[in-house]
Amino acid sequence: MKSIGKLSVDAIDQGHITEVMLSIEKGGHPRKAPVILSVINRIFGYALAHRFTRNNPAQGLPLSDILKPMPIWQATI
């Protein structure tokens, strides 16, 4: 899985976030991608509020443009 953990906050851009999301999908866990993107977005929100960075590369990044469509599961009774 791609990692952004060793990069400085200012060095991370949307390309890095996209690589992480694609790595999650490739690892067979595409349903975790929205949760992880949300966590990344909140971390950058905190970093913005405390002036650790000037941008949030996760904000407005549409997963639908990055990941393949997920199948819709329907329960059968």
Protein backbone atom coordinates (compact mmCIF):
# COMPACT_ATOMS: atom_id res chain seq x y z
CA MET A 1 0.00 0.00 0.00
CA LYS A 2 1.21 3.48 -0.82
CA SER A 3 2.06 5.58 2.19
CA ILE A 4 2.13 9.30 2.82
CA GLY A 5 3.22 8.94 6.43
CA LYS A 6 6.85 9.91 5.89
CA LEU A 7 6.09 12.99 3.81
CA SER A 8 5.81 16.44 5.33
CA VAL A 9 2.29 17.86 5.39
CA ASP A 10 3.16 20.52 2.80
CA ALA A 11 4.67 17.93 0.45
CA ILE A 12 1.43 15.94 0.10
CA ASP A 13 -0.69 16.79 -2.93
CA GLN A 14 -3.80 15.35 -4.60
CA GLY A 15 -1.64 12.96 -6.59
CA HIS A 16 -0.40 11.36 -3.37
CA ILE A 17 -3.95 11.04 -2.04
CA THR A 18 -5.04 9.47 -5.34
CA GLU A 19 -2.19 6.95 -5.11
CA VAL A 20 -3.30 6.00 -1.60
CA MET A 21 -6.91 5.52 -2.74
CA LEU A 22 -5.85 3.39 -5.73
CA SER A 23 -3.62 1.35 -3.44
CA ILE A 24 -6.57 0.66 -1.14
CA GLU A 25 -8.67 -0.40 -4.12
CA LYS A 26 -5.89 -2.62 -5.48
CA GLY A 27 -5.54 -4.23 -2.05
CA GLY A 28 -9.14 -5.39 -2.32
CA HIS A 29 -10.68 -2.93 0.14
CA PRO A 30 -12.46 -0.28 -1.97
CA ARG A 31 -15.24 0.19 0.61
CA LYS A 32 -12.63 1.50 3.08
CA ALA A 33 -11.50 4.26 0.70
CA PRO A 34 -14.26 6.79 1.59
CA VAL A 35 -13.57 6.37 5.31
CA ILE A 36 -9.83 6.78 4.86
CA LEU A 37 -10.30 9.80 2.59
CA SER A 38 -12.54 11.33 5.26
CA VAL A 39 -9.88 10.79 7.93
CA ILE A 40 -7.20 12.34 5.70
CA ASN A 41 -9.52 15.30 5.06
CA ARG A 42 -10.05 15.80 8.82
CA ILE A 43 -6.30 15.60 9.50
CA PHE A 44 -5.65 18.29 6.90
CA GLY A 45 -8.50 20.35 8.35
CA TYR A 46 -6.72 20.25 11.71
CA ALA A 47 -3.40 21.10 10.03
CA LEU A 48 -5.02 24.11 8.33
CA ALA A 49 -6.59 25.33 11.57
CA HIS A 50 -3.24 25.17 13.35
CA ARG A 51 -1.25 26.62 10.44
CA PHE A 52 0.80 23.51 9.71
CA THR A 53 -0.17 23.77 6.04
CA ARG A 54 -1.92 26.13 3.64
CA ASN A 55 -3.91 23.60 1.63
CA ASN A 56 -6.02 20.48 1.96
CA PRO A 57 -5.37 18.14 -0.97
CA ALA A 58 -8.15 15.79 0.18
CA GLN A 59 -10.86 18.46 0.10
CA GLY A 60 -13.12 18.14 -2.92
CA LEU A 61 -11.33 15.07 -4.25
CA PRO A 62 -14.11 12.93 -5.78
CA LEU A 63 -13.59 9.20 -5.25
CA SER A 64 -15.93 8.53 -8.16
CA ASP A 65 -13.25 9.96 -10.47
CA ILE A 66 -10.54 7.79 -8.93
CA LEU A 67 -12.00 4.38 -8.14
CA LYS A 68 -13.93 1.93 -10.26
CA PRO A 69 -17.66 1.88 -9.52
CA MET A 70 -18.49 -0.45 -6.64
CA PRO A 71 -21.10 -3.15 -7.23
CA ILE A 72 -24.44 -2.61 -5.56
CA TRP A 73 -25.33 -5.46 -3.23
CA GLN A 74 -28.95 -6.40 -2.84
CA ALA A 75 -30.24 -8.77 -0.23
CA THR A 76 -32.40 -11.60 -1.44
CA ILE A 77 -35.17 -12.89 0.74
